[in-house]
Amino acid sequence: MATAPCAIPLVVGIACGPLEDAAAGAVGETFGSILRELQSAYPHTPLLLLSAEPAEARTATHEAARAQHVEVRQARSLAQISVVSDILVVITDDSAATAKEVSAVVARREVGHRTGGPGHLLDPLEVATTYEVVIGKGMSLDGPLPIKRIYPPRFNGDGSSEADFRSGLARLDRFNEDIVSVAVPDHASLQSEKVFAAADGAANILQRRFLFWQRVLYVFAFIAAGAQVMGGYPGGFGLVFASAKIAAVMGVVCAYIVVRRADYQNRYQDYRALSEGLRVESAWTHGGVSDSVDNSYLRMQQTELKWIRSALRTVSFLQAREVASGRNTAALCDWVEGQREYYLGASTLQNARNLRFGRYIHVMEPVNVIAGVAFLIGLIGPKNWSIRMPMPFGRFGDLEYSLGVLAGIAALTIALLISYVRARAFSEHANRYQRMYLLFDQAYRLLQGPPELDEATEREVARQLGREALAEHAEWLLTQRERPISVVYTGAT
């Protein structure tokens, strides 16, 4: 199975107490079965083993990892394993002295423990998913040992922790599959820059596909509704319009099924959210900011979006091994200038689109009103008011009918345009991007000087800009989640 060069690995941590020699074979076989299970379930995602085991246990588990072609890295401590790992495998003996220590580490991990900052004490709790293997007294050691999978509830009455955990891993695997064919530029030096390029490229591809099918959906909806409005066309064309309506309705259904099954919308939004987090991770690395992006991003999302924070945490861990101390002022300035130009262009574009569609709506509104009023006058007036006029295909019809069709088409056009504008949220995006432009413009002026900023001030500018960028994109993502693909957005504002 092809794996992307910058695929985000699934981190498997292992915490193992002292073992008897007789148990080493069973432990290795059990751990190997866990690795095979994960590789089978998530074939596009490489595994990374983090270990802080004693020497006698390390041999068995590391041999199992090498047999499955799994990269192994030595962790500094059990605490680091508990923080970084997506899955924590705990192997203990009933009488092991480390049992209490292991239990204390894996029972609950607090976000604040990663940074040690008092400002994070009230952050949402991160709960470790644990595969527990306990070697009981008198237990047979001739084969794999029993595995207890623990998916701790995140709140009282939580019955979906296992489903959400597996869904998050499936999303990570789908991401790694989607970036296989995305080219990564050679100039990307940091791990976060490489993964960002892949995530951003995949998001762009999926966004184009989603917008294409969204427009197809609206076109088919317009045809179906227009055929319904014109269904009473004089001259025996009723069958033509009825056939067009049926075909258009089938087109709407097929387009909707294609988009929902391919999950273009959620995938591109997730990848965009991940890429923005990685962009800030790179900027903070260049600016010498020690804060962790996953601590500052989507902190209240404990379900379907949790995989994004886990991926950011993994990239941050991998990058920490290759990042030298110090700062890169030029790279930081490039980020600020690039984001400043992006937000200026994006706000201008979104505002222009909002004004353009607004003009379309304003043009159709008087047409709808005038045609509707004239149609009503024709209905309630004397019959001799009826005026016959030439119609297409050599047919003749009443003016009242033509006015009714015109009013109906105008009303339909207005409704679909309003729905499309609300779905794309042009006005909301323009306002948000304008605010972000002002922030990055101010930062750009500060960094350009004079006076030249000292290291501490420069680092604080990078920190505040990063937090603002993360907050803005989290708001964007959650707003988009409230607008699943549809033709009518009655509740959108």
Protein backbone atom coordinates (compact mmCIF):
# COMPACT_ATOMS: atom_id res chain seq x y z
CA MET A 1 0.00 0.00 0.00
CA ALA A 2 1.40 3.37 -1.08
CA THR A 3 2.16 5.79 1.74
CA ALA A 4 2.67 9.52 1.30
CA PRO A 5 6.24 10.68 2.08
CA CYS A 6 4.90 13.20 4.62
CA ALA A 7 2.05 11.05 5.95
CA ILE A 8 1.15 11.73 9.58
CA PRO A 9 1.83 8.57 11.59
CA LEU A 10 -0.40 6.96 14.18
CA VAL A 11 1.62 7.11 17.38
CA VAL A 12 1.48 3.98 19.50
CA GLY A 13 3.02 4.34 22.93
CA ILE A 14 3.95 1.38 25.08
CA ALA A 15 4.27 1.31 28.84
CA CYS A 16 5.54 -1.98 30.15
CA GLY A 17 6.61 -3.05 33.60
CA PRO A 18 9.34 -5.60 34.37
CA LEU A 19 8.55 -9.00 32.83
CA GLU A 20 9.67 -12.53 33.47
CA ASP A 21 11.61 -14.19 30.69
CA ALA A 22 8.79 -16.69 30.15
CA ALA A 23 6.34 -13.89 29.34
CA ALA A 24 8.49 -12.14 26.71
CA GLY A 25 7.34 -14.36 23.84
CA ALA A 26 3.65 -13.94 24.64
CA VAL A 27 4.08 -10.19 25.05
CA GLY A 28 5.82 -9.90 21.67
CA GLU A 29 3.12 -11.97 19.97
CA THR A 30 0.35 -9.93 21.59
CA PHE A 31 1.93 -6.62 20.69
CA GLY A 32 2.50 -7.81 17.13
CA SER A 33 -1.21 -8.65 16.81
CA ILE A 34 -2.10 -5.11 17.91
CA LEU A 35 0.20 -3.61 15.28
CA ARG A 36 -1.19 -5.90 12.55
CA GLU A 37 -4.72 -4.96 13.52
CA LEU A 38 -3.96 -1.25 13.22
CA GLN A 39 -2.11 -1.65 9.92
CA SER A 40 -5.03 -3.62 8.49
CA ALA A 41 -7.64 -1.10 9.65
CA TYR A 42 -5.64 1.99 8.56
CA PRO A 43 -3.48 0.88 5.62
CA HIS A 44 -2.41 4.37 4.46
CA THR A 45 -1.18 5.47 7.89
CA PRO A 46 2.32 4.53 9.07
CA LEU A 47 2.77 3.51 12.69
CA LEU A 48 5.31 5.07 15.03
CA LEU A 49 6.20 3.26 18.25
CA LEU A 50 7.19 5.34 21.29
CA SER A 51 8.85 3.32 23.99
CA ALA A 52 10.19 3.90 27.48
CA GLU A 53 10.41 0.27 28.50
CA PRO A 54 12.96 -1.59 30.58
CA ALA A 55 15.50 -3.58 28.57
CA GLU A 56 13.92 -7.00 29.19
CA ALA A 57 10.55 -5.86 27.81
CA ARG A 58 12.01 -3.75 25.03
CA THR A 59 13.43 -6.71 23.14
CA ALA A 60 10.09 -8.47 22.71
CA THR A 61 8.06 -5.42 21.68
CA HIS A 62 10.75 -3.94 19.45
CA GLU A 63 11.20 -7.20 17.61
CA ALA A 64 7.46 -7.30 17.02
CA ALA A 65 7.60 -3.71 15.71
CA ARG A 66 10.51 -4.44 13.37
CA ALA A 67 8.68 -7.48 12.04
CA GLN A 68 5.80 -5.20 11.03
CA HIS A 69 8.18 -2.51 9.63
CA VAL A 70 7.18 -0.03 12.32
CA GLU A 71 9.55 2.81 13.20
CA VAL A 72 10.62 2.84 16.85
CA ARG A 73 11.65 5.88 18.88
CA GLN A 74 12.74 6.04 22.48
CA ALA A 75 10.71 8.45 24.61
CA ARG A 76 12.09 10.43 27.52
CA SER A 77 9.50 9.18 29.98
CA LEU A 78 6.08 7.63 30.45
CA ALA A 79 4.64 11.13 30.76
CA GLN A 80 5.82 12.06 27.26
CA ILE A 81 4.38 8.84 25.86
CA SER A 82 1.03 9.54 27.48
CA VAL A 83 0.90 13.04 26.01
CA VAL A 84 1.95 12.23 22.44
CA SER A 85 0.43 8.79 21.86
CA ASP A 86 -2.84 8.20 20.03
CA ILE A 87 -2.99 4.71 21.51
CA LEU A 88 -1.25 3.66 24.69
CA VAL A 89 -0.51 -0.03 25.14
CA VAL A 90 -0.05 -0.92 28.81
CA ILE A 91 1.52 -4.27 29.67
CA THR A 92 1.84 -5.08 33.36
CA ASP A 93 2.25 -7.97 35.72
CA ASP A 94 -0.16 -8.26 38.63
CA SER A 95 2.75 -7.76 40.96
CA ALA A 96 4.63 -5.16 38.92
CA ALA A 97 5.87 -2.21 40.93
CA THR A 98 5.10 0.12 38.04
CA ALA A 99 1.39 -0.74 37.89
CA LYS A 100 0.33 2.22 40.02
CA GLU A 101 2.59 4.62 38.14
CA VAL A 102 1.28 3.44 34.77
CA SER A 103 -2.33 3.71 35.93
CA ALA A 104 -1.79 7.25 37.20
CA VAL A 105 -0.27 8.32 33.89
CA VAL A 106 -2.91 6.82 31.59
CA ALA A 107 -6.05 7.42 33.65
CA ARG A 108 -6.27 11.06 32.62
CA ARG A 109 -3.95 13.44 30.85
CA GLU A 110 -4.50 17.15 31.17
CA VAL A 111 -3.69 19.56 28.41
CA GLY A 112 -1.99 21.85 30.91
CA HIS A 113 0.56 19.16 31.71
CA ARG A 114 1.98 19.55 28.20
CA THR A 115 2.90 23.16 28.63
CA GLY A 116 3.14 23.39 32.38
CA GLY A 117 1.46 26.78 32.16
CA PRO A 118 -1.06 27.79 34.81
CA GLY A 119 -3.22 29.35 32.11
CA HIS A 120 -4.12 25.89 30.83
CA LEU A 121 -5.39 24.36 34.07
CA LEU A 122 -9.04 24.66 33.02
CA ASP A 123 -8.58 23.44 29.45
CA PRO A 124 -10.67 20.44 28.30
CA LEU A 125 -9.28 17.10 29.43
CA GLU A 126 -7.61 14.76 26.96
CA VAL A 127 -8.32 11.12 27.74
CA ALA A 128 -5.96 8.39 26.65
CA THR A 129 -7.31 5.43 24.67
CA THR A 130 -5.65 2.42 26.23
CA TYR A 131 -5.03 -1.17 25.22
CA GLU A 132 -4.38 -2.97 28.47
CA VAL A 133 -2.62 -6.34 28.73
CA VAL A 134 -2.36 -7.78 32.23
CA ILE A 135 -0.30 -10.92 32.77
CA GLY A 136 -2.12 -12.67 35.59
CA LYS A 137 -0.73 -15.36 37.83
CA GLY A 138 -1.11 -18.81 36.33
CA MET A 139 -2.11 -17.41 32.92
CA SER A 140 -1.12 -19.46 29.88
CA LEU A 141 1.78 -17.91 27.98
CA ASP A 142 1.60 -20.16 24.92
CA GLY A 143 -0.19 -17.64 22.68
CA PRO A 144 -1.43 -14.06 22.46
CA LEU A 145 -2.61 -12.58 25.74
CA PRO A 146 -6.10 -11.09 26.21
CA ILE A 147 -6.37 -7.40 25.37
CA LYS A 148 -8.73 -5.03 27.15
CA ARG A 149 -9.53 -1.95 25.06
CA ILE A 150 -10.47 1.07 27.16
CA TYR A 151 -12.22 4.08 25.62
CA PRO A 152 -12.79 6.32 28.65
CA PRO A 153 -15.96 8.44 28.56
CA ARG A 154 -15.40 12.16 28.09
CA PHE A 155 -18.48 13.12 30.10
CA ASN A 156 -21.23 11.46 32.08
CA GLY A 157 -23.38 9.27 29.88
CA ASP A 158 -20.93 9.32 26.96
CA GLY A 159 -21.68 6.26 24.88
CA SER A 160 -19.86 7.16 21.67
CA SER A 161 -16.23 7.45 22.78
CA GLU A 162 -15.17 4.30 20.91
CA ALA A 163 -17.04 5.26 17.73
CA ASP A 164 -15.58 8.79 17.78
CA PHE A 165 -12.07 7.43 18.37
CA ARG A 166 -12.30 5.04 15.44
CA SER A 167 -13.87 7.74 13.27
CA GLY A 168 -10.93 10.05 14.03
CA LEU A 169 -8.40 7.39 13.02
CA ALA A 170 -10.39 6.72 9.84
CA ARG A 171 -10.26 10.44 9.00
CA LEU A 172 -6.49 10.48 9.57
CA ASP A 173 -6.11 7.45 7.29
CA ARG A 174 -8.27 9.07 4.60
CA PHE A 175 -6.12 12.20 4.83
CA ASN A 176 -2.94 10.19 4.36
CA GLU A 177 -4.56 8.50 1.36
CA ASP A 178 -5.59 11.83 -0.17
CA ILE A 179 -2.10 13.36 0.01
CA VAL A 180 -0.33 10.46 -1.72
CA SER A 181 -0.49 12.19 -5.11
CA VAL A 182 0.08 15.76 -3.83
CA ALA A 183 3.52 17.16 -4.63
CA VAL A 184 5.54 18.70 -1.80
CA PRO A 185 7.86 21.60 -2.75
CA ASP A 186 11.56 21.07 -2.29
CA HIS A 187 12.02 24.33 -0.38
CA ALA A 188 9.92 23.08 2.56
CA SER A 189 12.42 22.46 5.35
CA LEU A 190 10.29 21.88 8.45
CA GLN A 191 8.08 18.85 8.86
CA SER A 192 5.13 21.16 9.44
CA GLU A 193 5.85 22.95 6.14
CA LYS A 194 5.92 19.65 4.24
CA VAL A 195 2.66 18.40 5.73
CA PHE A 196 1.12 21.86 5.25
CA ALA A 197 1.90 21.79 1.52
CA ALA A 198 0.30 18.35 1.21
CA ALA A 199 -2.77 19.27 3.29
CA ASP A 200 -3.28 22.58 1.50
CA GLY A 201 -2.96 20.94 -1.91
CA ALA A 202 -5.46 18.22 -1.04
CA ALA A 203 -7.86 20.82 0.41
CA ASN A 204 -7.70 22.87 -2.81
CA ILE A 205 -8.51 19.82 -4.95
CA LEU A 206 -11.43 18.77 -2.76
CA GLN A 207 -12.77 22.33 -2.52
CA ARG A 208 -12.89 22.64 -6.31
CA ARG A 209 -14.77 19.35 -6.54
CA PHE A 210 -17.21 20.37 -3.82
CA LEU A 211 -17.94 23.77 -5.39
CA PHE A 212 -18.44 22.14 -8.81
CA TRP A 213 -21.03 19.71 -7.47
CA GLN A 214 -22.66 22.43 -5.38
CA ARG A 215 -23.22 24.49 -8.53
CA VAL A 216 -24.48 21.41 -10.37
CA LEU A 217 -26.97 20.90 -7.56
CA TYR A 218 -28.28 24.45 -7.89
CA VAL A 219 -28.52 24.23 -11.69
CA PHE A 220 -30.54 21.02 -11.53
CA ALA A 221 -32.75 22.51 -8.80
CA PHE A 222 -33.41 25.57 -10.98
CA ILE A 223 -34.30 23.41 -13.98
CA ALA A 224 -36.64 21.23 -11.91
CA ALA A 225 -38.44 24.17 -10.33
CA GLY A 226 -38.56 26.09 -13.62
CA ALA A 227 -40.11 23.10 -15.39
CA GLN A 228 -42.71 22.93 -12.62
CA VAL A 229 -43.54 26.62 -13.07
CA MET A 230 -43.88 26.23 -16.86
CA GLY A 231 -45.77 22.95 -16.65
CA GLY A 232 -48.97 24.54 -17.96
CA TYR A 233 -47.38 25.82 -21.18
CA PRO A 234 -50.06 26.00 -23.89
CA GLY A 235 -49.72 23.97 -27.05
CA GLY A 236 -49.12 20.47 -25.70
CA PHE A 237 -45.65 21.01 -24.22
CA GLY A 238 -46.69 19.73 -20.79
CA LEU A 239 -45.01 16.35 -21.39
CA VAL A 240 -41.73 18.05 -22.33
CA PHE A 241 -41.62 20.07 -19.13
CA ALA A 242 -42.73 17.11 -17.01
CA SER A 243 -39.88 15.03 -18.46
CA ALA A 244 -37.42 17.86 -17.85
CA LYS A 245 -38.60 18.14 -14.24
CA ILE A 246 -38.19 14.42 -13.60
CA ALA A 247 -34.73 14.39 -15.19
CA ALA A 248 -33.65 17.46 -13.18
CA VAL A 249 -34.94 15.99 -9.91
CA MET A 250 -32.99 12.81 -10.62
CA GLY A 251 -29.96 15.01 -11.31
CA VAL A 252 -30.38 16.76 -7.95
CA VAL A 253 -30.60 13.43 -6.14
CA CYS A 254 -27.57 11.99 -7.96
CA ALA A 255 -25.45 15.11 -7.37
CA TYR A 256 -26.37 15.12 -3.68
CA ILE A 257 -25.52 11.42 -3.32
CA VAL A 258 -22.16 11.90 -5.06
CA VAL A 259 -21.17 14.81 -2.79
CA ARG A 260 -22.33 13.13 0.41
CA ARG A 261 -20.73 9.77 -0.36
CA ALA A 262 -17.41 11.34 -1.35
CA ASP A 263 -17.63 13.66 1.69
CA TYR A 264 -15.96 16.44 -0.29
CA GLN A 265 -17.23 19.18 2.01
CA ASN A 266 -16.06 17.79 5.35
CA ARG A 267 -12.78 16.55 3.92
CA TYR A 268 -11.76 19.84 2.38
CA GLN A 269 -12.81 21.75 5.50
CA ASP A 270 -10.87 19.37 7.77
CA TYR A 271 -7.76 19.56 5.61
CA ARG A 272 -8.02 23.34 5.44
CA ALA A 273 -8.27 23.46 9.23
CA LEU A 274 -5.25 21.17 9.55
CA SER A 275 -3.22 23.20 7.06
CA GLU A 276 -3.96 26.45 8.89
CA GLY A 277 -2.84 24.88 12.16
CA LEU A 278 0.36 23.71 10.47
CA ARG A 279 0.91 27.18 9.02
CA VAL A 280 0.86 28.63 12.53
CA GLU A 281 3.07 25.78 13.79
CA SER A 282 5.70 26.73 11.21
CA ALA A 283 5.41 30.44 12.03
CA TRP A 284 5.76 29.81 15.74
CA THR A 285 8.77 27.60 15.11
CA HIS A 286 10.45 30.33 13.07
CA GLY A 287 9.48 32.95 15.64
CA GLY A 288 10.86 30.96 18.58
CA VAL A 289 7.41 30.53 20.19
CA SER A 290 7.33 27.46 22.41
CA ASP A 291 3.52 27.24 22.62
CA SER A 292 1.86 24.14 21.20
CA VAL A 293 -0.68 24.75 18.44
CA ASP A 294 -2.89 21.84 19.47
CA ASN A 295 -3.31 23.50 22.88
CA SER A 296 -4.66 26.65 21.23
CA TYR A 297 -6.84 25.22 18.46
CA LEU A 298 -10.37 23.75 18.52
CA ARG A 299 -9.95 23.05 22.22
CA MET A 300 -13.65 22.40 22.84
CA GLN A 301 -13.94 19.87 20.02
CA GLN A 302 -13.77 16.41 21.56
CA THR A 303 -15.54 14.45 18.81
CA GLU A 304 -15.13 14.47 15.02
CA LEU A 305 -12.59 17.31 14.90
CA LYS A 306 -10.35 15.92 17.63
CA TRP A 307 -8.23 14.10 15.04
CA ILE A 308 -6.98 17.48 13.76
CA ARG A 309 -5.49 18.38 17.13
CA SER A 310 -4.00 14.90 17.46
CA ALA A 311 -2.36 15.27 14.04
CA LEU A 312 -0.96 18.69 14.99
CA ARG A 313 0.40 17.24 18.23
CA THR A 314 2.13 14.45 16.30
CA VAL A 315 3.70 16.84 13.79
CA SER A 316 4.87 19.08 16.63
CA PHE A 317 6.50 16.09 18.34
CA LEU A 318 8.27 14.99 15.14
CA GLN A 319 9.39 18.53 14.41
CA ALA A 320 10.85 19.07 17.86
CA ARG A 321 13.64 16.64 16.95
CA GLU A 322 14.78 18.69 13.96
CA VAL A 323 14.21 22.30 15.01
CA ALA A 324 17.23 24.21 16.17
CA SER A 325 16.97 26.80 18.90
CA GLY A 326 16.61 30.44 17.99
CA ARG A 327 14.41 32.32 15.55
CA ASN A 328 14.14 32.98 11.86
CA THR A 329 12.98 36.58 11.52
CA ALA A 330 12.93 36.52 7.71
CA ALA A 331 10.63 33.50 7.62
CA LEU A 332 8.37 35.07 10.25
CA CYS A 333 8.13 38.29 8.22
CA ASP A 334 7.34 36.27 5.08
CA TRP A 335 4.44 34.59 6.93
CA VAL A 336 3.05 37.91 8.18
CA GLU A 337 3.36 39.56 4.78
CA GLY A 338 1.84 36.57 2.98
CA GLN A 339 -1.13 36.41 5.34
CA ARG A 340 -1.59 40.17 5.13
CA GLU A 341 -1.81 40.03 1.34
CA TYR A 342 -4.05 36.95 1.44
CA TYR A 343 -6.60 38.48 3.82
CA LEU A 344 -6.68 41.72 1.83
CA GLY A 345 -7.31 39.87 -1.43
CA ALA A 346 -9.78 37.45 0.14
CA SER A 347 -11.83 40.20 1.80
CA THR A 348 -11.95 42.15 -1.47
CA LEU A 349 -13.00 39.07 -3.44
CA GLN A 350 -15.69 38.00 -0.97
CA ASN A 351 -17.09 41.52 -0.80
CA ALA A 352 -17.17 41.78 -4.61
CA ARG A 353 -19.03 38.47 -4.87
CA ASN A 354 -21.52 39.58 -2.24
CA LEU A 355 -22.18 42.83 -4.12
CA ARG A 356 -22.47 41.07 -7.49
CA PHE A 357 -25.04 38.55 -6.28
CA GLY A 358 -26.81 41.33 -4.42
CA ARG A 359 -27.19 43.22 -7.71
CA TYR A 360 -28.63 40.12 -9.36
CA ILE A 361 -31.20 39.84 -6.60
CA HIS A 362 -32.08 43.56 -6.77
CA VAL A 363 -32.63 43.30 -10.53
CA MET A 364 -34.96 40.31 -10.21
CA GLU A 365 -37.02 41.72 -7.33
CA PRO A 366 -38.85 44.44 -9.34
CA VAL A 367 -39.34 42.01 -12.22
CA ASN A 368 -41.01 39.59 -9.82
CA VAL A 369 -43.20 42.31 -8.27
CA ILE A 370 -44.30 43.91 -11.56
CA ALA A 371 -45.00 40.60 -13.28
CA GLY A 372 -46.85 39.29 -10.24
CA VAL A 373 -49.05 42.40 -9.93
CA ALA A 374 -49.84 42.38 -13.65
CA PHE A 375 -50.69 38.69 -13.46
CA LEU A 376 -53.13 39.29 -10.59
CA ILE A 377 -54.78 42.17 -12.47
CA GLY A 378 -55.23 39.90 -15.45
CA LEU A 379 -56.84 37.22 -13.28
CA ILE A 380 -59.39 39.51 -11.58
CA GLY A 381 -60.11 41.77 -14.60
CA PRO A 382 -62.78 41.23 -17.26
CA LYS A 383 -62.16 38.34 -19.62
CA ASN A 384 -61.98 40.66 -22.60
CA TRP A 385 -58.75 42.08 -21.09
CA SER A 386 -57.02 38.91 -22.11
CA ILE A 387 -54.46 39.70 -24.80
CA ARG A 388 -53.20 37.09 -27.19
CA MET A 389 -49.56 37.38 -28.11
CA PRO A 390 -47.09 35.31 -30.17
CA MET A 391 -45.31 32.56 -28.21
CA PRO A 392 -42.24 30.46 -29.08
CA PHE A 393 -42.55 27.60 -31.57
CA GLY A 394 -45.40 29.37 -33.38
CA ARG A 395 -47.87 28.92 -30.51
CA PHE A 396 -50.11 31.57 -28.99
CA GLY A 397 -51.00 32.03 -25.37
CA ASP A 398 -52.53 34.45 -22.97
CA LEU A 399 -50.52 37.31 -21.60
CA GLU A 400 -51.64 36.35 -18.09
CA TYR A 401 -49.93 33.00 -18.42
CA SER A 402 -46.71 34.58 -19.67
CA LEU A 403 -46.70 37.06 -16.79
CA GLY A 404 -47.33 34.25 -14.30
CA VAL A 405 -44.39 32.27 -15.68
CA LEU A 406 -42.17 35.36 -15.58
CA ALA A 407 -43.13 36.10 -11.97
CA GLY A 408 -42.56 32.48 -10.99
CA ILE A 409 -39.13 32.27 -12.65
CA ALA A 410 -38.09 35.59 -11.08
CA ALA A 411 -39.17 34.42 -7.61
CA LEU A 412 -37.37 31.10 -8.12
CA THR A 413 -34.19 32.89 -9.21
CA ILE A 414 -34.28 35.19 -6.18
CA ALA A 415 -34.82 32.27 -3.79
CA LEU A 416 -31.93 30.24 -5.22
CA LEU A 417 -29.59 33.25 -5.31
CA ILE A 418 -30.34 34.09 -1.67
CA SER A 419 -29.81 30.46 -0.70
CA TYR A 420 -26.50 30.32 -2.58
CA VAL A 421 -25.26 33.59 -1.02
CA ARG A 422 -26.13 32.33 2.46
CA ALA A 423 -24.47 28.99 1.79
CA ARG A 424 -21.25 30.69 0.66
CA ALA A 425 -21.46 33.32 3.46
CA PHE A 426 -19.78 36.01 1.35
CA SER A 427 -20.59 38.88 3.71
CA GLU A 428 -19.48 37.05 6.88
CA HIS A 429 -16.20 35.98 5.28
CA ALA A 430 -15.51 39.49 3.93
CA ASN A 431 -15.93 41.03 7.39
CA ARG A 432 -13.80 38.35 9.07
CA TYR A 433 -11.01 38.61 6.50
CA GLN A 434 -11.01 42.39 6.73
CA ARG A 435 -10.44 42.22 10.49
CA MET A 436 -7.61 39.72 10.03
CA TYR A 437 -6.03 41.96 7.39
CA LEU A 438 -5.97 44.84 9.87
CA LEU A 439 -4.26 42.64 12.49
CA PHE A 440 -1.60 41.35 10.10
CA ASP A 441 -1.10 44.81 8.62
CA GLN A 442 -0.39 46.20 12.09
CA ALA A 443 2.01 43.33 12.79
CA TYR A 444 3.71 43.90 9.43
CA ARG A 445 4.32 47.54 10.29
CA LEU A 446 5.74 46.59 13.69
CA LEU A 447 8.12 44.02 12.21
CA GLN A 448 9.31 46.36 9.47
CA GLY A 449 10.17 49.02 12.05
CA PRO A 450 11.59 51.39 13.00
CA PRO A 451 12.30 50.80 15.75
CA GLU A 452 13.57 47.26 15.41
CA LEU A 453 11.79 44.87 17.77
CA ASP A 454 13.70 42.94 20.37
CA GLU A 455 13.46 39.14 20.48
CA ALA A 456 10.86 39.00 23.26
CA THR A 457 8.52 41.49 21.54
CA GLU A 458 8.90 39.74 18.20
CA ARG A 459 8.04 36.43 19.82
CA GLU A 460 4.96 37.95 21.46
CA VAL A 461 3.79 39.37 18.13
CA ALA A 462 4.10 35.91 16.56
CA ARG A 463 2.25 34.32 19.49
CA GLN A 464 -0.67 36.76 19.38
CA LEU A 465 -0.99 36.62 15.61
CA GLY A 466 -0.96 32.83 15.69
CA ARG A 467 -3.69 32.70 18.32
CA GLU A 468 -5.83 35.16 16.35
CA ALA A 469 -5.34 33.15 13.16
CA LEU A 470 -6.28 29.91 14.92
CA ALA A 471 -9.36 31.48 16.51
CA GLU A 472 -10.47 32.95 13.17
CA HIS A 473 -10.13 29.66 11.34
CA ALA A 474 -11.82 27.68 14.10
CA GLU A 475 -14.77 30.07 13.79
CA TRP A 476 -14.75 29.60 10.01
CA LEU A 477 -14.71 25.84 10.33
CA LEU A 478 -17.54 25.65 12.85
CA THR A 479 -19.61 28.08 10.75
CA GLN A 480 -19.11 25.90 7.68
CA ARG A 481 -20.10 22.81 9.66
CA GLU A 482 -23.49 24.48 10.22
CA ARG A 483 -23.95 24.75 6.45
CA PRO A 484 -23.96 21.21 5.07
CA ILE A 485 -24.55 21.01 1.34
CA SER A 486 -28.18 21.70 0.48
CA VAL A 487 -30.29 23.78 -1.90
CA VAL A 488 -32.33 25.67 0.70
CA TYR A 489 -30.76 27.37 3.75
CA THR A 490 -33.78 28.67 5.60
CA GLY A 491 -31.91 29.04 8.89
CA ALA A 492 -28.70 30.57 7.57
CA THR A 493 -27.95 34.12 8.52
